[in-house]
């Protein structure tokens, strides 16, 4: 069993987002330059003292989701800001690239719907600008496995290229790994 265990790295967690109204026409887009994510599930609990013992009462499942990114001119960041201003519902996936499904093609993700409830920008003169987003999650997140869009891994980290000219035979538009 110990050989089956894999430590998940922080960089394996990415955030994907899509406007719910465009779910039939667009793939989800990756939030660029992600620096941190926080995903938390919790339930309020209370107990009632009885003569024989305490009786626990557990509340509804609540989700808290936030992430921080470097500020950029990305249309995805504009979509997040627009959700705050216009109260539009977005779909979010907190994807764990290091957790492959049994087929080896799908990755694990927490899926949720909600609206941006906070968009905080900061910028020091000697550092990159940052954005912090908080999501007001509707309902309970769902867990599952999903395919990732073509080209996503290349967006996350460029792949090895060989020394010979890249004429496109080693991947679409020369984006594949050269021999």
Foldseek 3Di string as FASTA:
>chain_A
DVVPDDDFDQLLWWKWKDQPVCVPPDDTHTDPQWDHKDKDKDWDKDWDQDPVGIDIDTHDIAIKIKTKGFDDPDVVVVVQVCCQVVVTKMKMWGWRNVAADPVRAWTKTWIFIFHWNDWDWDDDPVDTIMIMTITRTDDHIDIDIDGDDPPPVCSSPQDAADPDDQPCPQHHPSRHHHD
